[in-house]
Amino acid sequence: DLAYALEAGKGGTRAVLMAVQAHIITYLLFTRDTEHTHLERL
């Protein structure tokens, strides 16, 4: 269910990981070509 999610620990690296996570979700939902619905895309 969370296959799209990056694991992020506590601390300074979390900000970098979350910025990349936003782009991952955007890619999976709107850029990637697939027949799945929005939630299934993730």
PDB file of all heavy atoms in Angstrom:
ATOM      1  N   ASP A   1       0.818  -1.212   0.000  1.00  0.00           N
ATOM      2  CA  ASP A   1       0.000   0.000   0.000  1.00  0.00           C
ATOM      3  C   ASP A   1       0.854   1.265   0.000  1.00  0.00           C
ATOM      4  O   ASP A   1       0.398   2.322  -0.421  1.00  0.00           O
ATOM      5  CB  ASP A   1      -0.931   0.018   1.211  1.00  0.00           C
ATOM      6  CG  ASP A   1      -2.057  -0.994   1.095  1.00  0.00           C
ATOM      7  OD1 ASP A   1      -2.300  -1.498  -0.025  1.00  0.00           O
ATOM      8  OD2 ASP A   1      -2.696  -1.294   2.123  1.00  0.00           O
ATOM      9  N   LEU A   2       2.071   1.177   0.492  1.00  0.00           N
ATOM     10  CA  LEU A   2       2.966   2.337   0.548  1.00  0.00           C
ATOM     11  C   LEU A   2       4.174   2.159  -0.367  1.00  0.00           C
ATOM     12  O   LEU A   2       5.241   2.711  -0.109  1.00  0.00           O
ATOM     13  CB  LEU A   2       3.429   2.577   1.992  1.00  0.00           C
ATOM     14  CG  LEU A   2       2.341   2.964   2.982  1.00  0.00           C
ATOM     15  CD1 LEU A   2       2.907   3.022   4.397  1.00  0.00           C
ATOM     16  CD2 LEU A   2       1.720   4.301   2.606  1.00  0.00           C
ATOM     17  N   ALA A   3       4.001   1.431  -1.448  1.00  0.00           N
ATOM     18  CA  ALA A   3       5.115   1.159  -2.362  1.00  0.00           C
ATOM     19  C   ALA A   3       5.707   2.432  -2.952  1.00  0.00           C
ATOM     20  O   ALA A   3       6.871   2.455  -3.345  1.00  0.00           O
ATOM     21  CB  ALA A   3       4.665   0.233  -3.483  1.00  0.00           C
ATOM     22  N   TYR A   4       4.945   3.492  -3.015  1.00  0.00           N
ATOM     23  CA  TYR A   4       5.393   4.769  -3.575  1.00  0.00           C
ATOM     24  C   TYR A   4       6.212   5.596  -2.587  1.00  0.00           C
ATOM     25  O   TYR A   4       6.841   6.588  -2.960  1.00  0.00           O
ATOM     26  CB  TYR A   4       4.189   5.603  -4.016  1.00  0.00           C
ATOM     27  CG  TYR A   4       3.293   5.978  -2.859  1.00  0.00           C
ATOM     28  CD1 TYR A   4       3.501   7.148  -2.150  1.00  0.00           C
ATOM     29  CD2 TYR A   4       2.272   5.133  -2.448  1.00  0.00           C
ATOM     30  CE1 TYR A   4       2.706   7.479  -1.072  1.00  0.00           C
ATOM     31  CE2 TYR A   4       1.466   5.454  -1.378  1.00  0.00           C
ATOM     32  CZ  TYR A   4       1.683   6.624  -0.690  1.00  0.00           C
ATOM     33  OH  TYR A   4       0.896   6.948   0.382  1.00  0.00           O
ATOM     34  N   ALA A   5       6.212   5.223  -1.311  1.00  0.00           N
ATOM     35  CA  ALA A   5       6.760   6.073  -0.255  1.00  0.00           C
ATOM     36  C   ALA A   5       8.226   5.786   0.035  1.00  0.00           C
ATOM     37  O   ALA A   5       8.646   4.633   0.122  1.00  0.00           O
ATOM     38  CB  ALA A   5       5.949   5.893   1.019  1.00  0.00           C
ATOM     39  N   LEU A   6       8.978   6.858   0.202  1.00  0.00           N
ATOM     40  CA  LEU A   6      10.361   6.747   0.658  1.00  0.00           C
ATOM     41  C   LEU A   6      10.371   6.636   2.174  1.00  0.00           C
ATOM     42  O   LEU A   6       9.543   7.261   2.852  1.00  0.00           O
ATOM     43  CB  LEU A   6      11.165   7.979   0.247  1.00  0.00           C
ATOM     44  CG  LEU A   6      11.438   8.183  -1.230  1.00  0.00           C
ATOM     45  CD1 LEU A   6      12.082   9.537  -1.463  1.00  0.00           C
ATOM     46  CD2 LEU A   6      12.323   7.076  -1.770  1.00  0.00           C
ATOM     47  N   GLU A   7      11.296   5.869   2.698  1.00  0.00           N
ATOM     48  CA  GLU A   7      11.474   5.808   4.144  1.00  0.00           C
ATOM     49  C   GLU A   7      12.351   6.980   4.554  1.00  0.00           C
ATOM     50  O   GLU A   7      13.409   7.203   3.973  1.00  0.00           O
ATOM     51  CB  GLU A   7      12.123   4.490   4.555  1.00  0.00           C
ATOM     52  CG  GLU A   7      11.225   3.296   4.345  1.00  0.00           C
ATOM     53  CD  GLU A   7      11.839   2.002   4.851  1.00  0.00           C
ATOM     54  OE1 GLU A   7      12.862   2.048   5.580  1.00  0.00           O
ATOM     55  OE2 GLU A   7      11.298   0.946   4.506  1.00  0.00           O
ATOM     56  N   ALA A   8      11.892   7.719   5.550  1.00  0.00           N
ATOM     57  CA  ALA A   8      12.637   8.894   6.000  1.00  0.00           C
ATOM     58  C   ALA A   8      12.787   8.856   7.511  1.00  0.00           C
ATOM     59  O   ALA A   8      11.797   8.829   8.237  1.00  0.00           O
ATOM     60  CB  ALA A   8      11.923  10.177   5.577  1.00  0.00           C
ATOM     61  N   GLY A   9      14.006   8.845   7.965  1.00  0.00           N
ATOM     62  CA  GLY A   9      14.268   8.895   9.397  1.00  0.00           C
ATOM     63  C   GLY A   9      14.148  10.317   9.902  1.00  0.00           C
ATOM     64  O   GLY A   9      13.799  11.240   9.165  1.00  0.00           O
ATOM     65  N   LYS A  10      14.439  10.484  11.145  1.00  0.00           N
ATOM     66  CA  LYS A  10      14.394  11.822  11.734  1.00  0.00           C
ATOM     67  C   LYS A  10      15.689  12.552  11.407  1.00  0.00           C
ATOM     68  O   LYS A  10      16.727  11.954  11.227  1.00  0.00           O
ATOM     69  CB  LYS A  10      14.209  11.726  13.242  1.00  0.00           C
ATOM     70  CG  LYS A  10      12.886  11.132  13.632  1.00  0.00           C
ATOM     71  CD  LYS A  10      12.740  11.051  15.122  1.00  0.00           C
ATOM     72  CE  LYS A  10      11.380  10.423  15.446  1.00  0.00           C
ATOM     73  NZ  LYS A  10      11.183  10.269  16.873  1.00  0.00           N
ATOM     74  N   GLY A  11      15.598  13.871  11.333  1.00  0.00           N
ATOM     75  CA  GLY A  11      16.807  14.649  11.151  1.00  0.00           C
ATOM     76  C   GLY A  11      16.865  15.408   9.844  1.00  0.00           C
ATOM     77  O   GLY A  11      15.873  15.531   9.122  1.00  0.00           O
ATOM     78  N   GLY A  12      18.062  15.878   9.524  1.00  0.00           N
ATOM     79  CA  GLY A  12      18.277  16.791   8.413  1.00  0.00           C
ATOM     80  C   GLY A  12      18.014  16.225   7.038  1.00  0.00           C
ATOM     81  O   GLY A  12      17.669  16.971   6.126  1.00  0.00           O
ATOM     82  N   THR A  13      18.158  14.928   6.858  1.00  0.00           N
ATOM     83  CA  THR A  13      17.950  14.361   5.529  1.00  0.00           C
ATOM     84  C   THR A  13      16.475  14.270   5.158  1.00  0.00           C
ATOM     85  O   THR A  13      16.141  14.146   3.985  1.00  0.00           O
ATOM     86  CB  THR A  13      18.569  12.955   5.425  1.00  0.00           C
ATOM     87  OG1 THR A  13      17.940  12.088   6.370  1.00  0.00           O
ATOM     88  CG2 THR A  13      20.060  12.995   5.664  1.00  0.00           C
ATOM     89  N   ARG A  14      15.610  14.344   6.135  1.00  0.00           N
ATOM     90  CA  ARG A  14      14.168  14.216   5.899  1.00  0.00           C
ATOM     91  C   ARG A  14      13.667  15.273   4.914  1.00  0.00           C
ATOM     92  O   ARG A  14      12.849  14.973   4.052  1.00  0.00           O
ATOM     93  CB  ARG A  14      13.411  14.328   7.209  1.00  0.00           C
ATOM     94  CG  ARG A  14      11.912  14.220   7.027  1.00  0.00           C
ATOM     95  CD  ARG A  14      11.193  14.338   8.324  1.00  0.00           C
ATOM     96  NE  ARG A  14      11.048  12.988   8.850  1.00  0.00           N
ATOM     97  CZ  ARG A  14      10.463  12.705   9.986  1.00  0.00           C
ATOM     98  NH1 ARG A  14      10.003  13.674  10.740  1.00  0.00           N
ATOM     99  NH2 ARG A  14      10.352  11.465  10.371  1.00  0.00           N
ATOM    100  N   ALA A  15      14.159  16.492   5.010  1.00  0.00           N
ATOM    101  CA  ALA A  15      13.706  17.563   4.117  1.00  0.00           C
ATOM    102  C   ALA A  15      14.035  17.244   2.661  1.00  0.00           C
ATOM    103  O   ALA A  15      13.209  17.447   1.768  1.00  0.00           O
ATOM    104  CB  ALA A  15      14.326  18.892   4.533  1.00  0.00           C
ATOM    105  N   VAL A  16      15.227  16.742   2.405  1.00  0.00           N
ATOM    106  CA  VAL A  16      15.629  16.381   1.049  1.00  0.00           C
ATOM    107  C   VAL A  16      14.767  15.235   0.541  1.00  0.00           C
ATOM    108  O   VAL A  16      14.257  15.261  -0.582  1.00  0.00           O
ATOM    109  CB  VAL A  16      17.131  16.006   0.990  1.00  0.00           C
ATOM    110  CG1 VAL A  16      17.517  15.519  -0.394  1.00  0.00           C
ATOM    111  CG2 VAL A  16      17.997  17.190   1.406  1.00  0.00           C
ATOM    112  N   LEU A  17      14.583  14.209   1.370  1.00  0.00           N
ATOM    113  CA  LEU A  17      13.776  13.057   0.978  1.00  0.00           C
ATOM    114  C   LEU A  17      12.332  13.449   0.671  1.00  0.00           C
ATOM    115  O   LEU A  17      11.735  12.953  -0.287  1.00  0.00           O
ATOM    116  CB  LEU A  17      13.815  11.986   2.071  1.00  0.00           C
ATOM    117  CG  LEU A  17      15.166  11.313   2.276  1.00  0.00           C
ATOM    118  CD1 LEU A  17      15.159  10.458   3.543  1.00  0.00           C
ATOM    119  CD2 LEU A  17      15.545  10.471   1.083  1.00  0.00           C
ATOM    120  N   MET A  18      11.764  14.340   1.461  1.00  0.00           N
ATOM    121  CA  MET A  18      10.368  14.742   1.243  1.00  0.00           C
ATOM    122  C   MET A  18      10.206  15.589  -0.016  1.00  0.00           C
ATOM    123  O   MET A  18       9.184  15.498  -0.703  1.00  0.00           O
ATOM    124  CB  MET A  18       9.819  15.476   2.461  1.00  0.00           C
ATOM    125  CG  MET A  18       9.642  14.564   3.684  1.00  0.00           C
ATOM    126  SD  MET A  18       8.602  13.107   3.397  1.00  0.00           S
ATOM    127  CE  MET A  18       9.791  11.815   3.090  1.00  0.00           C
ATOM    128  N   ALA A  19      11.206  16.384  -0.350  1.00  0.00           N
ATOM    129  CA  ALA A  19      11.148  17.149  -1.600  1.00  0.00           C
ATOM    130  C   ALA A  19      11.163  16.199  -2.798  1.00  0.00           C
ATOM    131  O   ALA A  19      10.393  16.368  -3.758  1.00  0.00           O
ATOM    132  CB  ALA A  19      12.323  18.120  -1.675  1.00  0.00           C
ATOM    133  N   VAL A  20      11.996  15.180  -2.741  1.00  0.00           N
ATOM    134  CA  VAL A  20      12.046  14.176  -3.811  1.00  0.00           C
ATOM    135  C   VAL A  20      10.750  13.363  -3.820  1.00  0.00           C
ATOM    136  O   VAL A  20      10.210  13.047  -4.876  1.00  0.00           O
ATOM    137  CB  VAL A  20      13.284  13.265  -3.654  1.00  0.00           C
ATOM    138  CG1 VAL A  20      13.249  12.106  -4.638  1.00  0.00           C
ATOM    139  CG2 VAL A  20      14.563  14.080  -3.836  1.00  0.00           C
ATOM    140  N   GLN A  21      10.204  13.068  -2.631  1.00  0.00           N
ATOM    141  CA  GLN A  21       8.954  12.310  -2.533  1.00  0.00           C
ATOM    142  C   GLN A  21       7.821  13.010  -3.275  1.00  0.00           C
ATOM    143  O   GLN A  21       7.023  12.360  -3.949  1.00  0.00           O
ATOM    144  CB  GLN A  21       8.561  12.133  -1.051  1.00  0.00           C
ATOM    145  CG  GLN A  21       7.275  11.371  -0.845  1.00  0.00           C
ATOM    146  CD  GLN A  21       7.398   9.912  -1.210  1.00  0.00           C
ATOM    147  OE1 GLN A  21       8.001   9.146  -0.481  1.00  0.00           O
ATOM    148  NE2 GLN A  21       6.834   9.507  -2.326  1.00  0.00           N
ATOM    149  N   ALA A  22       7.763  14.324  -3.191  1.00  0.00           N
ATOM    150  CA  ALA A  22       6.718  15.075  -3.902  1.00  0.00           C
ATOM    151  C   ALA A  22       6.822  14.862  -5.409  1.00  0.00           C
ATOM    152  O   ALA A  22       5.808  14.673  -6.096  1.00  0.00           O
ATOM    153  CB  ALA A  22       6.824  16.562  -3.566  1.00  0.00           C
ATOM    154  N   HIS A  23       8.030  14.852  -5.931  1.00  0.00           N
ATOM    155  CA  HIS A  23       8.226  14.619  -7.363  1.00  0.00           C
ATOM    156  C   HIS A  23       7.911  13.173  -7.749  1.00  0.00           C
ATOM    157  O   HIS A  23       7.424  12.917  -8.848  1.00  0.00           O
ATOM    158  CB  HIS A  23       9.655  14.979  -7.775  1.00  0.00           C
ATOM    159  CG  HIS A  23       9.891  16.450  -7.863  1.00  0.00           C
ATOM    160  ND1 HIS A  23       9.500  17.203  -8.941  1.00  0.00           N
ATOM    161  CD2 HIS A  23      10.460  17.309  -6.995  1.00  0.00           C
ATOM    162  CE1 HIS A  23       9.825  18.459  -8.743  1.00  0.00           C
ATOM    163  NE2 HIS A  23      10.412  18.557  -7.561  1.00  0.00           N
ATOM    164  N   ILE A  24       8.181  12.242  -6.855  1.00  0.00           N
ATOM    165  CA  ILE A  24       7.852  10.831  -7.117  1.00  0.00           C
ATOM    166  C   ILE A  24       6.347  10.667  -7.253  1.00  0.00           C
ATOM    167  O   ILE A  24       5.854  10.032  -8.195  1.00  0.00           O
ATOM    168  CB  ILE A  24       8.410   9.919  -6.001  1.00  0.00           C
ATOM    169  CG1 ILE A  24       9.929   9.831  -6.108  1.00  0.00           C
ATOM    170  CG2 ILE A  24       7.776   8.528  -6.055  1.00  0.00           C
ATOM    171  CD1 ILE A  24      10.601   9.141  -4.937  1.00  0.00           C
ATOM    172  N   ILE A  25       5.598  11.241  -6.340  1.00  0.00           N
ATOM    173  CA  ILE A  25       4.135  11.130  -6.388  1.00  0.00           C
ATOM    174  C   ILE A  25       3.597  11.806  -7.642  1.00  0.00           C
ATOM    175  O   ILE A  25       2.717  11.268  -8.319  1.00  0.00           O
ATOM    176  CB  ILE A  25       3.509  11.719  -5.112  1.00  0.00           C
ATOM    177  CG1 ILE A  25       3.852  10.813  -3.921  1.00  0.00           C
ATOM    178  CG2 ILE A  25       1.997  11.871  -5.258  1.00  0.00           C
ATOM    179  CD1 ILE A  25       3.448  11.357  -2.577  1.00  0.00           C
ATOM    180  N   THR A  26       4.124  12.966  -7.989  1.00  0.00           N
ATOM    181  CA  THR A  26       3.698  13.657  -9.207  1.00  0.00           C
ATOM    182  C   THR A  26       3.946  12.787 -10.431  1.00  0.00           C
ATOM    183  O   THR A  26       3.081  12.661 -11.303  1.00  0.00           O
ATOM    184  CB  THR A  26       4.439  15.002  -9.349  1.00  0.00           C
ATOM    185  OG1 THR A  26       4.151  15.799  -8.205  1.00  0.00           O
ATOM    186  CG2 THR A  26       4.023  15.735 -10.605  1.00  0.00           C
ATOM    187  N   TYR A  27       5.119  12.178 -10.506  1.00  0.00           N
ATOM    188  CA  TYR A  27       5.440  11.304 -11.631  1.00  0.00           C
ATOM    189  C   TYR A  27       4.478  10.119 -11.701  1.00  0.00           C
ATOM    190  O   TYR A  27       3.944   9.801 -12.765  1.00  0.00           O
ATOM    191  CB  TYR A  27       6.887  10.813 -11.522  1.00  0.00           C
ATOM    192  CG  TYR A  27       7.223   9.717 -12.506  1.00  0.00           C
ATOM    193  CD1 TYR A  27       7.525  10.017 -13.836  1.00  0.00           C
ATOM    194  CD2 TYR A  27       7.209   8.379 -12.132  1.00  0.00           C
ATOM    195  CE1 TYR A  27       7.812   9.013 -14.747  1.00  0.00           C
ATOM    196  CE2 TYR A  27       7.503   7.375 -13.037  1.00  0.00           C
ATOM    197  CZ  TYR A  27       7.789   7.699 -14.346  1.00  0.00           C
ATOM    198  OH  TYR A  27       8.069   6.706 -15.245  1.00  0.00           O
ATOM    199  N   LEU A  28       4.274   9.463 -10.581  1.00  0.00           N
ATOM    200  CA  LEU A  28       3.425   8.270 -10.571  1.00  0.00           C
ATOM    201  C   LEU A  28       1.969   8.586 -10.901  1.00  0.00           C
ATOM    202  O   LEU A  28       1.292   7.805 -11.564  1.00  0.00           O
ATOM    203  CB  LEU A  28       3.514   7.558  -9.216  1.00  0.00           C
ATOM    204  CG  LEU A  28       4.855   6.892  -8.907  1.00  0.00           C
ATOM    205  CD1 LEU A  28       4.886   6.387  -7.467  1.00  0.00           C
ATOM    206  CD2 LEU A  28       5.140   5.762  -9.882  1.00  0.00           C
ATOM    207  N   LEU A  29       1.477   9.736 -10.443  1.00  0.00           N
ATOM    208  CA  LEU A  29       0.075  10.081 -10.669  1.00  0.00           C
ATOM    209  C   LEU A  29      -0.193  10.693 -12.037  1.00  0.00           C
ATOM    210  O   LEU A  29      -1.222  10.418 -12.648  1.00  0.00           O
ATOM    211  CB  LEU A  29      -0.416  11.046  -9.590  1.00  0.00           C
ATOM    212  CG  LEU A  29      -0.668  10.467  -8.212  1.00  0.00           C
ATOM    213  CD1 LEU A  29      -1.076  11.564  -7.245  1.00  0.00           C
ATOM    214  CD2 LEU A  29      -1.720   9.372  -8.258  1.00  0.00           C
ATOM    215  N   PHE A  30       0.717  11.536 -12.528  1.00  0.00           N
ATOM    216  CA  PHE A  30       0.395  12.348 -13.694  1.00  0.00           C
ATOM    217  C   PHE A  30       1.287  12.135 -14.916  1.00  0.00           C
ATOM    218  O   PHE A  30       0.901  12.492 -16.013  1.00  0.00           O
ATOM    219  CB  PHE A  30       0.424  13.829 -13.306  1.00  0.00           C
ATOM    220  CG  PHE A  30      -0.468  14.146 -12.147  1.00  0.00           C
ATOM    221  CD1 PHE A  30       0.070  14.555 -10.940  1.00  0.00           C
ATOM    222  CD2 PHE A  30      -1.847  14.021 -12.242  1.00  0.00           C
ATOM    223  CE1 PHE A  30      -0.753  14.844  -9.857  1.00  0.00           C
ATOM    224  CE2 PHE A  30      -2.668  14.301 -11.173  1.00  0.00           C
ATOM    225  CZ  PHE A  30      -2.118  14.719  -9.978  1.00  0.00           C
ATOM    226  N   THR A  31       2.463  11.577 -14.748  1.00  0.00           N
ATOM    227  CA  THR A  31       3.382  11.445 -15.877  1.00  0.00           C
ATOM    228  C   THR A  31       3.429  10.025 -16.422  1.00  0.00           C
ATOM    229  O   THR A  31       3.405   9.824 -17.633  1.00  0.00           O
ATOM    230  CB  THR A  31       4.807  11.883 -15.462  1.00  0.00           C
ATOM    231  OG1 THR A  31       4.732  13.192 -14.891  1.00  0.00           O
ATOM    232  CG2 THR A  31       5.733  11.901 -16.652  1.00  0.00           C
ATOM    233  N   ARG A  32       3.511   9.070 -15.544  1.00  0.00           N
ATOM    234  CA  ARG A  32       3.636   7.664 -15.937  1.00  0.00           C
ATOM    235  C   ARG A  32       2.389   7.207 -16.668  1.00  0.00           C
ATOM    236  O   ARG A  32       1.260   7.456 -16.249  1.00  0.00           O
ATOM    237  CB  ARG A  32       3.863   6.814 -14.693  1.00  0.00           C
ATOM    238  CG  ARG A  32       4.123   5.364 -14.953  1.00  0.00           C
ATOM    239  CD  ARG A  32       4.484   4.655 -13.662  1.00  0.00           C
ATOM    240  NE  ARG A  32       3.365   4.639 -12.749  1.00  0.00           N
ATOM    241  CZ  ARG A  32       2.776   3.534 -12.304  1.00  0.00           C
ATOM    242  NH1 ARG A  32       3.217   2.364 -12.682  1.00  0.00           N
ATOM    243  NH2 ARG A  32       1.782   3.596 -11.469  1.00  0.00           N
ATOM    244  N   ASP A  33       2.582   6.517 -17.771  1.00  0.00           N
ATOM    245  CA  ASP A  33       1.469   6.017 -18.575  1.00  0.00           C
ATOM    246  C   ASP A  33       1.091   4.614 -18.101  1.00  0.00           C
ATOM    247  O   ASP A  33       1.878   3.681 -18.204  1.00  0.00           O
ATOM    248  CB  ASP A  33       1.864   5.983 -20.056  1.00  0.00           C
ATOM    249  CG  ASP A  33       0.684   5.688 -20.956  1.00  0.00           C
ATOM    250  OD1 ASP A  33      -0.465   5.986 -20.565  1.00  0.00           O
ATOM    251  OD2 ASP A  33       0.912   5.158 -22.053  1.00  0.00           O
ATOM    252  N   THR A  34      -0.118   4.497 -17.549  1.00  0.00           N
ATOM    253  CA  THR A  34      -0.609   3.213 -17.056  1.00  0.00           C
ATOM    254  C   THR A  34      -2.131   3.213 -17.104  1.00  0.00           C
ATOM    255  O   THR A  34      -2.760   4.270 -17.155  1.00  0.00           O
ATOM    256  CB  THR A  34      -0.108   2.938 -15.624  1.00  0.00           C
ATOM    257  OG1 THR A  34      -0.594   1.672 -15.193  1.00  0.00           O
ATOM    258  CG2 THR A  34      -0.563   4.001 -14.654  1.00  0.00           C
ATOM    259  N   GLU A  35      -2.710   2.032 -17.073  1.00  0.00           N
ATOM    260  CA  GLU A  35      -4.167   1.913 -17.137  1.00  0.00           C
ATOM    261  C   GLU A  35      -4.810   1.966 -15.751  1.00  0.00           C
ATOM    262  O   GLU A  35      -6.029   1.975 -15.628  1.00  0.00           O
ATOM    263  CB  GLU A  35      -4.571   0.609 -17.848  1.00  0.00           C
ATOM    264  CG  GLU A  35      -4.266  -0.660 -17.081  1.00  0.00           C
ATOM    265  CD  GLU A  35      -2.824  -1.144 -17.211  1.00  0.00           C
ATOM    266  OE1 GLU A  35      -2.031  -0.539 -17.958  1.00  0.00           O
ATOM    267  OE2 GLU A  35      -2.488  -2.132 -16.541  1.00  0.00           O
ATOM    268  N   HIS A  36      -4.025   2.010 -14.684  1.00  0.00           N
ATOM    269  CA  HIS A  36      -4.558   1.991 -13.317  1.00  0.00           C
ATOM    270  C   HIS A  36      -5.195   3.327 -12.942  1.00  0.00           C
ATOM    271  O   HIS A  36      -4.841   4.381 -13.483  1.00  0.00           O
ATOM    272  CB  HIS A  36      -3.452   1.673 -12.306  1.00  0.00           C
ATOM    273  CG  HIS A  36      -2.846   0.314 -12.493  1.00  0.00           C
ATOM    274  ND1 HIS A  36      -3.569  -0.844 -12.376  1.00  0.00           N
ATOM    275  CD2 HIS A  36      -1.581  -0.056 -12.781  1.00  0.00           C
ATOM    276  CE1 HIS A  36      -2.777  -1.886 -12.585  1.00  0.00           C
ATOM    277  NE2 HIS A  36      -1.559  -1.429 -12.841  1.00  0.00           N
ATOM    278  N   THR A  37      -6.123   3.282 -11.983  1.00  0.00           N
ATOM    279  CA  THR A  37      -6.725   4.507 -11.440  1.00  0.00           C
ATOM    280  C   THR A  37      -5.680   5.230 -10.603  1.00  0.00           C
ATOM    281  O   THR A  37      -4.606   4.689 -10.319  1.00  0.00           O
ATOM    282  CB  THR A  37      -7.950   4.181 -10.561  1.00  0.00           C
ATOM    283  OG1 THR A  37      -7.494   3.430  -9.425  1.00  0.00           O
ATOM    284  CG2 THR A  37      -9.001   3.419 -11.322  1.00  0.00           C
ATOM    285  N   HIS A  38      -6.009   6.436 -10.155  1.00  0.00           N
ATOM    286  CA  HIS A  38      -5.026   7.242  -9.424  1.00  0.00           C
ATOM    287  C   HIS A  38      -4.455   6.533  -8.198  1.00  0.00           C
ATOM    288  O   HIS A  38      -3.243   6.488  -8.013  1.00  0.00           O
ATOM    289  CB  HIS A  38      -5.614   8.586  -9.017  1.00  0.00           C
ATOM    290  CG  HIS A  38      -5.688   9.556 -10.142  1.00  0.00           C
ATOM    291  ND1 HIS A  38      -4.769   9.600 -11.161  1.00  0.00           N
ATOM    292  CD2 HIS A  38      -6.579  10.531 -10.422  1.00  0.00           C
ATOM    293  CE1 HIS A  38      -5.082  10.548 -12.017  1.00  0.00           C
ATOM    294  NE2 HIS A  38      -6.188  11.122 -11.591  1.00  0.00           N
ATOM    295  N   LEU A  39      -5.309   5.976  -7.352  1.00  0.00           N
ATOM    296  CA  LEU A  39      -4.799   5.318  -6.162  1.00  0.00           C
ATOM    297  C   LEU A  39      -4.007   4.065  -6.521  1.00  0.00           C
ATOM    298  O   LEU A  39      -2.950   3.796  -5.944  1.00  0.00           O
ATOM    299  CB  LEU A  39      -5.941   4.961  -5.205  1.00  0.00           C
ATOM    300  CG  LEU A  39      -5.519   4.383  -3.859  1.00  0.00           C
ATOM    301  CD1 LEU A  39      -4.553   5.323  -3.145  1.00  0.00           C
ATOM    302  CD2 LEU A  39      -6.725   4.106  -2.991  1.00  0.00           C
ATOM    303  N   GLU A  40      -4.466   3.311  -7.492  1.00  0.00           N
ATOM    304  CA  GLU A  40      -3.744   2.119  -7.925  1.00  0.00           C
ATOM    305  C   GLU A  40      -2.387   2.474  -8.531  1.00  0.00           C
ATOM    306  O   GLU A  40      -1.448   1.691  -8.463  1.00  0.00           O
ATOM    307  CB  GLU A  40      -4.570   1.331  -8.943  1.00  0.00           C
ATOM    308  CG  GLU A  40      -5.790   0.664  -8.353  1.00  0.00           C
ATOM    309  CD  GLU A  40      -6.680   0.052  -9.415  1.00  0.00           C
ATOM    310  OE1 GLU A  40      -6.663   0.527 -10.572  1.00  0.00           O
ATOM    311  OE2 GLU A  40      -7.393  -0.899  -9.088  1.00  0.00           O
ATOM    312  N   ARG A  41      -2.272   3.662  -9.125  1.00  0.00           N
ATOM    313  CA  ARG A  41      -1.001   4.096  -9.704  1.00  0.00           C
ATOM    314  C   ARG A  41       0.085   4.170  -8.631  1.00  0.00           C
ATOM    315  O   ARG A  41       1.258   3.989  -8.911  1.00  0.00           O
ATOM    316  CB  ARG A  41      -1.141   5.481 -10.338  1.00  0.00           C
ATOM    317  CG  ARG A  41      -1.861   5.493 -11.634  1.00  0.00           C
ATOM    318  CD  ARG A  41      -2.058   6.942 -12.091  1.00  0.00           C
ATOM    319  NE  ARG A  41      -2.732   6.965 -13.350  1.00  0.00           N
ATOM    320  CZ  ARG A  41      -2.165   7.366 -14.483  1.00  0.00           C
ATOM    321  NH1 ARG A  41      -0.929   7.781 -14.488  1.00  0.00           N
ATOM    322  NH2 ARG A  41      -2.834   7.357 -15.592  1.00  0.00           N
ATOM    323  N   LEU A  42      -0.314   4.457  -7.414  1.00  0.00           N
ATOM    324  CA  LEU A  42       0.646   4.571  -6.326  1.00  0.00           C
ATOM    325  C   LEU A  42       0.962   3.225  -5.683  1.00  0.00           C
ATOM    326  O   LEU A  42       2.103   2.957  -5.319  1.00  0.00           O
ATOM    327  CB  LEU A  42       0.114   5.517  -5.244  1.00  0.00           C
ATOM    328  CG  LEU A  42      -0.062   6.972  -5.657  1.00  0.00           C
ATOM    329  CD1 LEU A  42      -0.672   7.763  -4.511  1.00  0.00           C
ATOM    330  CD2 LEU A  42       1.257   7.592  -6.074  1.00  0.00           C
TER     331      LEU A  42
END
